Amino acid sequence: MTESAVIGAFELGPQWPTFDPFLFCVHHDDRYPAGDDRLGPKASLEGRKIGMDFAGKDGWRMYHGDVVPGFPQHPHRGFETVTLARRGYIDHSDSLGAKARFGHGDCQWMTAGRGIVHSEMFPLINRDQPNPTELFQIWLNLPSQDKLVDPYFTMLWEPLIPKPRFTDANGRVTQVAVVAGQIGEHRGPPPPPSSWAARPDSDVAIWTLRMQPGAIWTLPAAGAGVNRTLYFFAGGSIRIDGANLDRHAGIRVRPEVELLLENGDAEAELLVLQGRPIDEPVAQHGPFVMNTREEIQQAMADFRRDGYGGWPWASADPVHGREQGRFAVHADGREEVGG
């Protein structure tokens, strides 16, 4: 009897379980209303726990924002953030003086390294219509030798992310957005230079799959020893290597075998996270991820001492203006136009 490729399944709560080399994954999906003159929601904030609003009242959250939704200035050290902006916009500002606006399929990949402070705000650009905002934020660990590299971010603009389409025998399509890794000849854009994903033997993959109703597709095998997890987050039902799922769930699978995916009657979407484990001790305290408790204490002491370079912006939650398009200005002054 053939061994099932499915190792186990788990429910998808507010924060999704991840496996080495990944540390964290969260799916933010907010149906924001029209925006006001300050790019915040044109709606009453009464009844919300401003500064810590995660309740999802009326289908959206302010998070730590008090005017514009999002995450005002906060530090990171020792790992990377990979932010996939599926709908809406994210305004980034950081302690190095860099800034960006990205969204609608773009990805920002940031190596926090020895320490950075940044803000991630969700400006509500549209005055007369809703501002749905959806994103994944994924934390990818760094090995000990790279935990104190210089901070750096790469913009993976939507047109640069390969999206191959695979058609089954019945003409139904599965589209794969290759944010990192490779499927056949389709390779994702280069990650930051000090990323674990930049190492050829890491086998890191970050893919999103969109399957038409009834589509059938075979996920190619990966190398032995890799952690591979599928997150079924949109759709009605799907069959994975013979296992039926009629609710959203995460599925750990054996990496070294091909995986048959058979979609149900509604369009389905999945996130795939894969990578060779770093296999080092992990010590985490909030936004700091190191290898030992002593290194965590040092990270906190360094942040208290100089704020990882200070904060050059006039507010803790800067946004970039209603008319600003997608762009990035890096710490070295290099500018990019997105989209």
C-alpha atoms as a PDB file:
ATOM      1  CA  MET A   1       0.000   0.000   0.000  1.00  0.00           C
ATOM      2  CA  THR A   2       1.364   3.433  -0.973  1.00  0.00           C
ATOM      3  CA  GLU A   3       2.127   5.728   1.955  1.00  0.00           C
ATOM      4  CA  SER A   4       0.059   8.911   1.986  1.00  0.00           C
ATOM      5  CA  ALA A   5       1.917  12.121   1.235  1.00  0.00           C
ATOM      6  CA  VAL A   6      -0.120  13.928   3.910  1.00  0.00           C
ATOM      7  CA  ILE A   7       1.667  14.028   7.270  1.00  0.00           C
ATOM      8  CA  GLY A   8      -1.048  15.909   9.149  1.00  0.00           C
ATOM      9  CA  ALA A   9      -3.586  18.741   9.054  1.00  0.00           C
ATOM     10  CA  PHE A  10      -4.496  21.613  11.364  1.00  0.00           C
ATOM     11  CA  GLU A  11      -7.089  24.390  11.574  1.00  0.00           C
ATOM     12  CA  LEU A  12      -6.276  27.903  10.384  1.00  0.00           C
ATOM     13  CA  GLY A  13      -6.697  30.362  13.239  1.00  0.00           C
ATOM     14  CA  PRO A  14      -5.632  34.028  13.423  1.00  0.00           C
ATOM     15  CA  GLN A  15      -1.956  32.976  13.206  1.00  0.00           C
ATOM     16  CA  TRP A  16      -1.004  29.964  11.129  1.00  0.00           C
ATOM     17  CA  PRO A  17       1.473  27.336  12.365  1.00  0.00           C
ATOM     18  CA  THR A  18       4.743  27.311  10.425  1.00  0.00           C
ATOM     19  CA  PHE A  19       7.784  25.080  10.362  1.00  0.00           C
ATOM     20  CA  ASP A  20      11.539  25.709  10.191  1.00  0.00           C
ATOM     21  CA  PRO A  21      12.833  27.820   8.409  1.00  0.00           C
ATOM     22  CA  PHE A  22       9.556  29.786   8.721  1.00  0.00           C
ATOM     23  CA  LEU A  23       8.596  31.402  12.021  1.00  0.00           C
ATOM     24  CA  PHE A  24       5.207  33.015  11.521  1.00  0.00           C
ATOM     25  CA  CYS A  25       2.434  33.478   8.976  1.00  0.00           C
ATOM     26  CA  VAL A  26      -0.684  35.609   9.257  1.00  0.00           C
ATOM     27  CA  HIS A  27      -3.388  36.350   6.694  1.00  0.00           C
ATOM     28  CA  HIS A  28      -4.802  39.863   7.078  1.00  0.00           C
ATOM     29  CA  ASP A  29      -8.096  40.276   5.202  1.00  0.00           C
ATOM     30  CA  ASP A  30     -10.027  43.470   5.953  1.00  0.00           C
ATOM     31  CA  ARG A  31     -13.052  44.939   4.187  1.00  0.00           C
ATOM     32  CA  TYR A  32     -12.221  48.578   4.896  1.00  0.00           C
ATOM     33  CA  PRO A  33     -14.816  51.236   4.031  1.00  0.00           C
ATOM     34  CA  ALA A  34     -14.201  54.391   2.004  1.00  0.00           C
ATOM     35  CA  GLY A  35     -11.342  56.584   3.241  1.00  0.00           C
ATOM     36  CA  ASP A  36     -11.559  60.022   4.827  1.00  0.00           C
ATOM     37  CA  ASP A  37      -9.287  63.055   4.312  1.00  0.00           C
ATOM     38  CA  ARG A  38      -6.579  61.507   6.509  1.00  0.00           C
ATOM     39  CA  LEU A  39      -6.646  58.130   4.671  1.00  0.00           C
ATOM     40  CA  GLY A  40      -8.356  56.511   7.621  1.00  0.00           C
ATOM     41  CA  PRO A  41     -11.786  54.838   7.576  1.00  0.00           C
ATOM     42  CA  LYS A  42     -14.769  57.057   6.858  1.00  0.00           C
ATOM     43  CA  ALA A  43     -16.634  55.391   9.703  1.00  0.00           C
ATOM     44  CA  SER A  44     -17.051  55.681  13.428  1.00  0.00           C
ATOM     45  CA  LEU A  45     -14.325  54.119  15.559  1.00  0.00           C
ATOM     46  CA  GLU A  46     -16.626  53.936  18.567  1.00  0.00           C
ATOM     47  CA  GLY A  47     -16.503  50.597  20.320  1.00  0.00           C
ATOM     48  CA  ARG A  48     -13.060  49.694  19.042  1.00  0.00           C
ATOM     49  CA  LYS A  49     -10.064  49.105  21.289  1.00  0.00           C
ATOM     50  CA  ILE A  50      -7.927  51.703  19.542  1.00  0.00           C
ATOM     51  CA  GLY A  51      -4.247  50.833  19.660  1.00  0.00           C
ATOM     52  CA  MET A  52      -5.056  47.125  19.936  1.00  0.00           C
ATOM     53  CA  ASP A  53      -8.017  46.536  17.623  1.00  0.00           C
ATOM     54  CA  PHE A  54      -7.940  42.954  16.318  1.00  0.00           C
ATOM     55  CA  ALA A  55     -11.631  42.104  16.850  1.00  0.00           C
ATOM     56  CA  GLY A  56     -12.770  42.378  13.235  1.00  0.00           C
ATOM     57  CA  LYS A  57     -15.828  44.519  14.007  1.00  0.00           C
ATOM     58  CA  ASP A  58     -17.788  45.156  10.775  1.00  0.00           C
ATOM     59  CA  GLY A  59     -15.243  43.039   8.906  1.00  0.00           C
ATOM     60  CA  TRP A  60     -12.144  45.171   9.491  1.00  0.00           C
ATOM     61  CA  ARG A  61      -9.521  46.017  12.079  1.00  0.00           C
ATOM     62  CA  MET A  62      -7.484  49.083  13.015  1.00  0.00           C
ATOM     63  CA  TYR A  63      -4.684  46.884  14.458  1.00  0.00           C
ATOM     64  CA  HIS A  64      -2.333  49.292  16.306  1.00  0.00           C
ATOM     65  CA  GLY A  65      -3.323  52.340  14.229  1.00  0.00           C
ATOM     66  CA  ASP A  66      -5.423  55.142  15.672  1.00  0.00           C
ATOM     67  CA  VAL A  67      -6.116  57.141  12.456  1.00  0.00           C
ATOM     68  CA  VAL A  68      -4.926  54.922   9.596  1.00  0.00           C
ATOM     69  CA  PRO A  69      -5.128  51.151  10.094  1.00  0.00           C
ATOM     70  CA  GLY A  70      -1.866  49.265  10.383  1.00  0.00           C
ATOM     71  CA  PHE A  71       1.245  48.878  12.480  1.00  0.00           C
ATOM     72  CA  PRO A  72       3.043  52.089  13.560  1.00  0.00           C
ATOM     73  CA  GLN A  73       6.792  52.042  14.226  1.00  0.00           C
ATOM     74  CA  HIS A  74       8.076  48.807  15.765  1.00  0.00           C
ATOM     75  CA  PRO A  75      11.457  47.019  15.789  1.00  0.00           C
ATOM     76  CA  HIS A  76      12.732  43.735  14.341  1.00  0.00           C
ATOM     77  CA  ARG A  77      16.022  41.874  14.626  1.00  0.00           C
ATOM     78  CA  GLY A  78      17.347  38.506  13.489  1.00  0.00           C
ATOM     79  CA  PHE A  79      14.933  37.393  10.757  1.00  0.00           C
ATOM     80  CA  GLU A  80      13.105  38.470   7.582  1.00  0.00           C
ATOM     81  CA  THR A  81       9.587  39.640   6.793  1.00  0.00           C
ATOM     82  CA  VAL A  82       7.988  38.682   3.488  1.00  0.00           C
ATOM     83  CA  THR A  83       4.848  40.737   2.890  1.00  0.00           C
ATOM     84  CA  LEU A  84       2.579  39.693   0.016  1.00  0.00           C
ATOM     85  CA  ALA A  85       0.108  42.495  -0.683  1.00  0.00           C
ATOM     86  CA  ARG A  86      -2.822  40.891  -2.501  1.00  0.00           C
ATOM     87  CA  ARG A  87      -5.275  43.819  -2.386  1.00  0.00           C
ATOM     88  CA  GLY A  88      -5.007  47.388  -1.142  1.00  0.00           C
ATOM     89  CA  TYR A  89      -1.837  49.293  -0.264  1.00  0.00           C
ATOM     90  CA  ILE A  90       0.882  49.193   2.375  1.00  0.00           C
ATOM     91  CA  ASP A  91       2.949  52.269   3.233  1.00  0.00           C
ATOM     92  CA  HIS A  92       6.402  51.388   4.585  1.00  0.00           C
ATOM     93  CA  SER A  93       8.743  53.802   6.410  1.00  0.00           C
ATOM     94  CA  ASP A  94      11.831  52.805   8.370  1.00  0.00           C
ATOM     95  CA  SER A  95      14.651  53.918  10.650  1.00  0.00           C
ATOM     96  CA  LEU A  96      17.127  54.005   7.752  1.00  0.00           C
ATOM     97  CA  GLY A  97      15.102  56.707   6.001  1.00  0.00           C
ATOM     98  CA  ALA A  98      13.718  54.330   3.386  1.00  0.00           C
ATOM     99  CA  LYS A  99      10.067  54.309   2.376  1.00  0.00           C
ATOM    100  CA  ALA A 100       7.717  52.604  -0.052  1.00  0.00           C
ATOM    101  CA  ARG A 101       4.132  52.129  -1.139  1.00  0.00           C
ATOM    102  CA  PHE A 102       3.247  48.730  -2.572  1.00  0.00           C
ATOM    103  CA  GLY A 103       0.130  46.661  -3.169  1.00  0.00           C
ATOM    104  CA  HIS A 104      -2.084  44.755  -5.594  1.00  0.00           C
ATOM    105  CA  GLY A 105       0.194  41.755  -6.047  1.00  0.00           C
ATOM    106  CA  ASP A 106       3.539  43.298  -5.024  1.00  0.00           C
ATOM    107  CA  CYS A 107       5.796  41.781  -2.369  1.00  0.00           C
ATOM    108  CA  GLN A 108       8.264  43.458  -0.022  1.00  0.00           C
ATOM    109  CA  TRP A 109      11.014  41.171   1.313  1.00  0.00           C
ATOM    110  CA  MET A 110      12.866  42.769   4.225  1.00  0.00           C
ATOM    111  CA  THR A 111      15.949  41.450   6.006  1.00  0.00           C
ATOM    112  CA  ALA A 112      15.827  42.924   9.508  1.00  0.00           C
ATOM    113  CA  GLY A 113      19.324  41.665  10.297  1.00  0.00           C
ATOM    114  CA  ARG A 114      21.041  43.534  13.124  1.00  0.00           C
ATOM    115  CA  GLY A 115      17.993  45.718  13.669  1.00  0.00           C
ATOM    116  CA  ILE A 116      15.481  47.989  11.989  1.00  0.00           C
ATOM    117  CA  VAL A 117      12.406  49.943  13.040  1.00  0.00           C
ATOM    118  CA  HIS A 118       9.635  50.279  10.497  1.00  0.00           C
ATOM    119  CA  SER A 119       5.962  51.071  10.147  1.00  0.00           C
ATOM    120  CA  GLU A 120       3.397  49.314   7.964  1.00  0.00           C
ATOM    121  CA  MET A 121       0.262  51.386   7.438  1.00  0.00           C
ATOM    122  CA  PHE A 122      -2.757  50.600   5.263  1.00  0.00           C
ATOM    123  CA  PRO A 123      -3.859  53.894   3.636  1.00  0.00           C
ATOM    124  CA  LEU A 124      -7.485  53.946   2.494  1.00  0.00           C
ATOM    125  CA  ILE A 125      -7.038  55.669  -0.850  1.00  0.00           C
ATOM    126  CA  ASN A 126     -10.559  55.447  -2.257  1.00  0.00           C
ATOM    127  CA  ARG A 127     -12.894  58.185  -1.033  1.00  0.00           C
ATOM    128  CA  ASP A 128     -16.136  56.920  -2.575  1.00  0.00           C
ATOM    129  CA  GLN A 129     -15.810  53.153  -2.523  1.00  0.00           C
ATOM    130  CA  PRO A 130     -14.533  50.451  -0.180  1.00  0.00           C
ATOM    131  CA  ASN A 131     -10.818  49.794   0.318  1.00  0.00           C
ATOM    132  CA  PRO A 132     -10.451  46.012   0.720  1.00  0.00           C
ATOM    133  CA  THR A 133      -6.972  45.172   1.982  1.00  0.00           C
ATOM    134  CA  GLU A 134      -5.559  41.661   2.016  1.00  0.00           C
ATOM    135  CA  LEU A 135      -2.017  40.487   2.658  1.00  0.00           C
ATOM    136  CA  PHE A 136       0.134  37.702   3.980  1.00  0.00           C
ATOM    137  CA  GLN A 137       2.979  38.474   6.333  1.00  0.00           C
ATOM    138  CA  ILE A 138       5.474  35.657   6.608  1.00  0.00           C
ATOM    139  CA  TRP A 139       8.516  35.569   8.886  1.00  0.00           C
ATOM    140  CA  LEU A 140      11.527  33.648   7.579  1.00  0.00           C
ATOM    141  CA  ASN A 141      14.348  32.905   9.991  1.00  0.00           C
ATOM    142  CA  LEU A 142      18.012  33.781   9.434  1.00  0.00           C
ATOM    143  CA  PRO A 143      20.864  31.435  10.373  1.00  0.00           C
ATOM    144  CA  SER A 144      23.093  32.540  13.235  1.00  0.00           C
ATOM    145  CA  GLN A 145      25.875  33.782  10.952  1.00  0.00           C
ATOM    146  CA  ASP A 146      23.472  36.196   9.203  1.00  0.00           C
ATOM    147  CA  LYS A 147      21.376  37.450  12.107  1.00  0.00           C
ATOM    148  CA  LEU A 148      23.389  40.670  12.417  1.00  0.00           C
ATOM    149  CA  VAL A 149      23.776  41.559   8.727  1.00  0.00           C
ATOM    150  CA  ASP A 150      22.858  45.072   7.611  1.00  0.00           C
ATOM    151  CA  PRO A 151      19.112  45.653   7.177  1.00  0.00           C
ATOM    152  CA  TYR A 152      17.921  45.576   3.582  1.00  0.00           C
ATOM    153  CA  PHE A 153      14.736  45.240   1.566  1.00  0.00           C
ATOM    154  CA  THR A 154      13.898  44.080  -1.936  1.00  0.00           C
ATOM    155  CA  MET A 155      10.745  45.022  -3.828  1.00  0.00           C
ATOM    156  CA  LEU A 156       9.219  42.242  -5.902  1.00  0.00           C
ATOM    157  CA  TRP A 157       6.818  44.240  -8.042  1.00  0.00           C
ATOM    158  CA  GLU A 158       3.801  42.320  -9.322  1.00  0.00           C
ATOM    159  CA  PRO A 159       4.876  42.206 -13.003  1.00  0.00           C
ATOM    160  CA  LEU A 160       8.208  40.618 -11.992  1.00  0.00           C
ATOM    161  CA  ILE A 161       6.606  37.670 -10.171  1.00  0.00           C
ATOM    162  CA  PRO A 162       6.169  34.718 -12.591  1.00  0.00           C
ATOM    163  CA  LYS A 163       2.609  33.363 -12.778  1.00  0.00           C
ATOM    164  CA  PRO A 164       2.659  30.224 -14.916  1.00  0.00           C
ATOM    165  CA  ARG A 165      -0.684  28.657 -15.825  1.00  0.00           C
ATOM    166  CA  PHE A 166      -1.113  24.886 -15.940  1.00  0.00           C
ATOM    167  CA  THR A 167      -4.105  23.462 -17.830  1.00  0.00           C
ATOM    168  CA  ASP A 168      -5.472  20.005 -17.047  1.00  0.00           C
ATOM    169  CA  ALA A 169      -7.037  17.534 -19.477  1.00  0.00           C
ATOM    170  CA  ASN A 170     -10.435  19.221 -19.088  1.00  0.00           C
ATOM    171  CA  GLY A 171      -9.093  22.709 -19.821  1.00  0.00           C
ATOM    172  CA  ARG A 172      -9.234  23.892 -16.204  1.00  0.00           C
ATOM    173  CA  VAL A 173      -6.421  26.120 -15.047  1.00  0.00           C
ATOM    174  CA  THR A 174      -4.184  26.291 -11.980  1.00  0.00           C
ATOM    175  CA  GLN A 175      -2.139  29.496 -11.784  1.00  0.00           C
ATOM    176  CA  VAL A 176       0.933  29.640  -9.546  1.00  0.00           C
ATOM    177  CA  ALA A 177       2.510  32.914  -8.393  1.00  0.00           C
ATOM    178  CA  VAL A 178       6.186  32.090  -7.827  1.00  0.00           C
ATOM    179  CA  VAL A 179       7.291  34.593  -5.179  1.00  0.00           C
ATOM    180  CA  ALA A 180      10.335  32.468  -4.292  1.00  0.00           C
ATOM    181  CA  GLY A 181      11.740  29.207  -5.564  1.00  0.00           C
ATOM    182  CA  GLN A 182      11.162  27.536  -8.905  1.00  0.00           C
ATOM    183  CA  ILE A 183       8.552  25.485 -10.731  1.00  0.00           C
ATOM    184  CA  GLY A 184       9.943  24.004 -13.932  1.00  0.00           C
ATOM    185  CA  GLU A 185      11.595  26.844 -15.825  1.00  0.00           C
ATOM    186  CA  HIS A 186       9.684  29.459 -13.823  1.00  0.00           C
ATOM    187  CA  ARG A 187      11.953  30.974 -11.160  1.00  0.00           C
ATOM    188  CA  GLY A 188      10.908  33.656  -8.690  1.00  0.00           C
ATOM    189  CA  PRO A 189      12.751  36.993  -8.456  1.00  0.00           C
ATOM    190  CA  PRO A 190      15.980  37.037  -6.402  1.00  0.00           C
ATOM    191  CA  PRO A 191      15.456  37.439  -2.649  1.00  0.00           C
ATOM    192  CA  PRO A 192      17.681  39.750  -0.569  1.00  0.00           C
ATOM    193  CA  PRO A 193      21.341  38.702  -0.716  1.00  0.00           C
ATOM    194  CA  SER A 194      21.641  37.536   2.913  1.00  0.00           C
ATOM    195  CA  SER A 195      18.347  35.631   2.929  1.00  0.00           C
ATOM    196  CA  TRP A 196      18.234  31.917   3.721  1.00  0.00           C
ATOM    197  CA  ALA A 197      16.276  31.731   0.456  1.00  0.00           C
ATOM    198  CA  ALA A 198      19.319  33.081  -1.444  1.00  0.00           C
ATOM    199  CA  ARG A 199      21.221  29.855  -0.714  1.00  0.00           C
ATOM    200  CA  PRO A 200      20.766  27.393  -3.596  1.00  0.00           C
ATOM    201  CA  ASP A 201      20.486  24.380  -1.277  1.00  0.00           C
ATOM    202  CA  SER A 202      17.791  25.948   0.958  1.00  0.00           C
ATOM    203  CA  ASP A 203      14.973  24.908  -1.427  1.00  0.00           C
ATOM    204  CA  VAL A 204      12.839  27.793  -0.126  1.00  0.00           C
ATOM    205  CA  ALA A 205       9.581  28.238  -2.004  1.00  0.00           C
ATOM    206  CA  ILE A 206       6.751  30.713  -1.447  1.00  0.00           C
ATOM    207  CA  TRP A 207       3.923  30.139  -3.906  1.00  0.00           C
ATOM    208  CA  THR A 208       0.250  31.045  -4.102  1.00  0.00           C
ATOM    209  CA  LEU A 209      -2.013  28.750  -6.104  1.00  0.00           C
ATOM    210  CA  ARG A 210      -5.319  29.741  -7.685  1.00  0.00           C
ATOM    211  CA  MET A 211      -7.341  26.779  -9.002  1.00  0.00           C
ATOM    212  CA  GLN A 212     -10.412  27.015 -11.188  1.00  0.00           C
ATOM    213  CA  PRO A 213     -13.441  24.947 -10.118  1.00  0.00           C
ATOM    214  CA  GLY A 214     -12.747  21.308 -10.817  1.00  0.00           C
ATOM    215  CA  ALA A 215      -9.082  21.914 -11.724  1.00  0.00           C
ATOM    216  CA  ILE A 216      -6.576  19.101 -11.230  1.00  0.00           C
ATOM    217  CA  TRP A 217      -2.863  19.774 -10.866  1.00  0.00           C
ATOM    218  CA  THR A 218       0.175  17.894  -9.625  1.00  0.00           C
ATOM    219  CA  LEU A 219       2.532  19.794  -7.318  1.00  0.00           C
ATOM    220  CA  PRO A 220       6.103  18.775  -8.245  1.00  0.00           C
ATOM    221  CA  ALA A 221       8.239  16.958  -5.692  1.00  0.00           C
ATOM    222  CA  ALA A 222      10.856  18.790  -3.645  1.00  0.00           C
ATOM    223  CA  GLY A 223      14.038  17.499  -2.059  1.00  0.00           C
ATOM    224  CA  ALA A 224      14.039  15.089   0.856  1.00  0.00           C
ATOM    225  CA  GLY A 225      14.426  16.738   4.246  1.00  0.00           C
ATOM    226  CA  VAL A 226      12.516  19.877   3.267  1.00  0.00           C
ATOM    227  CA  ASN A 227       9.547  21.112   5.285  1.00  0.00           C
ATOM    228  CA  ARG A 228       6.562  21.651   2.973  1.00  0.00           C
ATOM    229  CA  THR A 229       3.180  23.004   4.110  1.00  0.00           C
ATOM    230  CA  LEU A 230       0.065  23.873   2.110  1.00  0.00           C
ATOM    231  CA  TYR A 231      -2.496  26.327   3.475  1.00  0.00           C
ATOM    232  CA  PHE A 232      -5.969  25.961   1.914  1.00  0.00           C
ATOM    233  CA  PHE A 233      -7.432  29.381   2.720  1.00  0.00           C
ATOM    234  CA  ALA A 234     -10.077  30.100   0.051  1.00  0.00           C
ATOM    235  CA  GLY A 235     -12.609  27.870  -1.660  1.00  0.00           C
ATOM    236  CA  GLY A 236     -15.159  25.247  -0.740  1.00  0.00           C
ATOM    237  CA  SER A 237     -13.333  21.926  -0.804  1.00  0.00           C
ATOM    238  CA  ILE A 238     -10.217  20.284  -2.171  1.00  0.00           C
ATOM    239  CA  ARG A 239      -8.715  16.804  -2.341  1.00  0.00           C
ATOM    240  CA  ILE A 240      -5.001  16.488  -1.585  1.00  0.00           C
ATOM    241  CA  ASP A 241      -3.390  13.120  -2.307  1.00  0.00           C
ATOM    242  CA  GLY A 242      -6.736  11.459  -1.647  1.00  0.00           C
ATOM    243  CA  ALA A 243      -7.480  13.385   1.565  1.00  0.00           C
ATOM    244  CA  ASN A 244     -10.705  15.397   1.373  1.00  0.00           C
ATOM    245  CA  LEU A 245     -10.809  18.863   2.940  1.00  0.00           C
ATOM    246  CA  ASP A 246     -14.174  20.613   3.201  1.00  0.00           C
ATOM    247  CA  ARG A 247     -12.909  23.412   5.428  1.00  0.00           C
ATOM    248  CA  HIS A 248      -9.917  25.734   5.358  1.00  0.00           C
ATOM    249  CA  ALA A 249      -6.861  24.089   6.876  1.00  0.00           C
ATOM    250  CA  GLY A 250      -3.109  23.716   6.805  1.00  0.00           C
ATOM    251  CA  ILE A 251      -1.599  20.465   5.553  1.00  0.00           C
ATOM    252  CA  ARG A 252       1.944  19.217   6.147  1.00  0.00           C
ATOM    253  CA  VAL A 253       3.100  16.903   3.373  1.00  0.00           C
ATOM    254  CA  ARG A 254       6.051  14.729   2.513  1.00  0.00           C
ATOM    255  CA  PRO A 255       8.203  16.815   0.173  1.00  0.00           C
ATOM    256  CA  GLU A 256       9.894  14.136  -1.903  1.00  0.00           C
ATOM    257  CA  VAL A 257       6.727  12.971  -3.699  1.00  0.00           C
ATOM    258  CA  GLU A 258       4.468  14.620  -6.250  1.00  0.00           C
ATOM    259  CA  LEU A 259       1.171  15.806  -4.780  1.00  0.00           C
ATOM    260  CA  LEU A 260      -2.124  15.486  -6.648  1.00  0.00           C
ATOM    261  CA  LEU A 261      -4.490  18.409  -6.010  1.00  0.00           C
ATOM    262  CA  GLU A 262      -8.130  18.061  -7.102  1.00  0.00           C
ATOM    263  CA  ASN A 263     -10.274  21.131  -6.572  1.00  0.00           C
ATOM    264  CA  GLY A 264     -13.970  21.129  -5.747  1.00  0.00           C
ATOM    265  CA  ASP A 265     -16.814  23.184  -7.228  1.00  0.00           C
ATOM    266  CA  ALA A 266     -15.552  26.669  -6.295  1.00  0.00           C
ATOM    267  CA  GLU A 267     -12.365  28.542  -7.091  1.00  0.00           C
ATOM    268  CA  ALA A 268      -9.723  27.636  -4.528  1.00  0.00           C
ATOM    269  CA  GLU A 269      -6.541  29.314  -3.318  1.00  0.00           C
ATOM    270  CA  LEU A 270      -3.608  27.874  -1.424  1.00  0.00           C
ATOM    271  CA  LEU A 271      -0.356  29.223  -0.013  1.00  0.00           C
ATOM    272  CA  VAL A 272       2.678  26.924  -0.167  1.00  0.00           C
ATOM    273  CA  LEU A 273       5.632  27.435   2.204  1.00  0.00           C
ATOM    274  CA  GLN A 274       8.634  25.200   1.770  1.00  0.00           C
ATOM    275  CA  GLY A 275      12.237  25.231   2.882  1.00  0.00           C
ATOM    276  CA  ARG A 276      15.139  23.253   4.225  1.00  0.00           C
ATOM    277  CA  PRO A 277      15.297  23.676   8.021  1.00  0.00           C
ATOM    278  CA  ILE A 278      18.007  25.931   9.436  1.00  0.00           C
ATOM    279  CA  ASP A 279      18.012  23.543  12.398  1.00  0.00           C
ATOM    280  CA  GLU A 280      19.360  25.961  15.001  1.00  0.00           C
ATOM    281  CA  PRO A 281      17.974  26.957  18.403  1.00  0.00           C
ATOM    282  CA  VAL A 282      15.323  29.681  18.248  1.00  0.00           C
ATOM    283  CA  ALA A 283      14.932  32.240  21.017  1.00  0.00           C
ATOM    284  CA  GLN A 284      12.108  34.706  20.381  1.00  0.00           C
ATOM    285  CA  HIS A 285      10.743  37.630  22.319  1.00  0.00           C
ATOM    286  CA  GLY A 286       8.112  39.541  20.339  1.00  0.00           C
ATOM    287  CA  PRO A 287       9.814  41.111  17.305  1.00  0.00           C
ATOM    288  CA  PHE A 288      13.305  39.786  18.156  1.00  0.00           C
ATOM    289  CA  VAL A 289      14.406  36.320  16.985  1.00  0.00           C
ATOM    290  CA  MET A 290      17.871  35.105  17.958  1.00  0.00           C
ATOM    291  CA  ASN A 291      19.503  31.831  19.031  1.00  0.00           C
ATOM    292  CA  THR A 292      19.894  32.402  22.791  1.00  0.00           C
ATOM    293  CA  ARG A 293      18.187  34.298  25.600  1.00  0.00           C
ATOM    294  CA  GLU A 294      21.367  36.315  26.078  1.00  0.00           C
ATOM    295  CA  GLU A 295      21.173  37.474  22.449  1.00  0.00           C
ATOM    296  CA  ILE A 296      17.533  38.478  22.987  1.00  0.00           C
ATOM    297  CA  GLN A 297      18.551  40.543  26.006  1.00  0.00           C
ATOM    298  CA  GLN A 298      21.267  42.197  23.911  1.00  0.00           C
ATOM    299  CA  ALA A 299      18.773  42.925  21.114  1.00  0.00           C
ATOM    300  CA  MET A 300      16.472  44.663  23.591  1.00  0.00           C
ATOM    301  CA  ALA A 301      19.337  46.598  25.183  1.00  0.00           C
ATOM    302  CA  ASP A 302      20.569  47.773  21.769  1.00  0.00           C
ATOM    303  CA  PHE A 303      17.072  48.911  20.844  1.00  0.00           C
ATOM    304  CA  ARG A 304      16.700  50.849  24.109  1.00  0.00           C
ATOM    305  CA  ARG A 305      20.091  52.465  23.550  1.00  0.00           C
ATOM    306  CA  ASP A 306      19.749  53.832  20.020  1.00  0.00           C
ATOM    307  CA  GLY A 307      16.429  52.678  18.584  1.00  0.00           C
ATOM    308  CA  TYR A 308      18.327  50.836  15.827  1.00  0.00           C
ATOM    309  CA  GLY A 309      19.292  54.150  14.294  1.00  0.00           C
ATOM    310  CA  GLY A 310      16.460  56.373  15.452  1.00  0.00           C
ATOM    311  CA  TRP A 311      13.233  57.389  13.742  1.00  0.00           C
ATOM    312  CA  PRO A 312      13.540  60.102  11.070  1.00  0.00           C
ATOM    313  CA  TRP A 313       9.796  60.607  10.507  1.00  0.00           C
ATOM    314  CA  ALA A 314       7.509  63.201  12.083  1.00  0.00           C
ATOM    315  CA  SER A 315       5.014  60.618  13.317  1.00  0.00           C
ATOM    316  CA  ALA A 316       4.998  56.975  14.338  1.00  0.00           C
ATOM    317  CA  ASP A 317       2.584  56.114  11.513  1.00  0.00           C
ATOM    318  CA  PRO A 318       3.522  58.045   8.347  1.00  0.00           C
ATOM    319  CA  VAL A 319       1.553  57.620   5.123  1.00  0.00           C
ATOM    320  CA  HIS A 320       2.591  58.871   1.715  1.00  0.00           C
ATOM    321  CA  GLY A 321      -0.350  60.861   0.347  1.00  0.00           C
ATOM    322  CA  ARG A 322      -3.479  59.957  -1.561  1.00  0.00           C
ATOM    323  CA  GLU A 323      -2.081  60.600  -5.042  1.00  0.00           C
ATOM    324  CA  GLN A 324       1.218  58.776  -4.519  1.00  0.00           C
ATOM    325  CA  GLY A 325       1.629  55.701  -6.720  1.00  0.00           C
ATOM    326  CA  ARG A 326       3.572  52.551  -5.952  1.00  0.00           C
ATOM    327  CA  PHE A 327       7.247  53.354  -5.359  1.00  0.00           C
ATOM    328  CA  ALA A 328      10.262  52.652  -3.200  1.00  0.00           C
ATOM    329  CA  VAL A 329      13.136  54.798  -1.972  1.00  0.00           C
ATOM    330  CA  HIS A 330      15.923  52.703  -0.451  1.00  0.00           C
ATOM    331  CA  ALA A 331      18.329  53.657   2.326  1.00  0.00           C
ATOM    332  CA  ASP A 332      21.076  54.346  -0.245  1.00  0.00           C
ATOM    333  CA  GLY A 333      18.803  56.777  -2.128  1.00  0.00           C
ATOM    334  CA  ARG A 334      17.998  54.383  -4.954  1.00  0.00           C
ATOM    335  CA  GLU A 335      14.468  54.961  -6.246  1.00  0.00           C
ATOM    336  CA  GLU A 336      12.042  52.591  -7.941  1.00  0.00           C
ATOM    337  CA  VAL A 337       8.643  53.047  -9.556  1.00  0.00           C
ATOM    338  CA  GLY A 338       6.358  50.113  -8.927  1.00  0.00           C
ATOM    339  CA  GLY A 339       3.804  48.362 -11.043  1.00  0.00           C
END
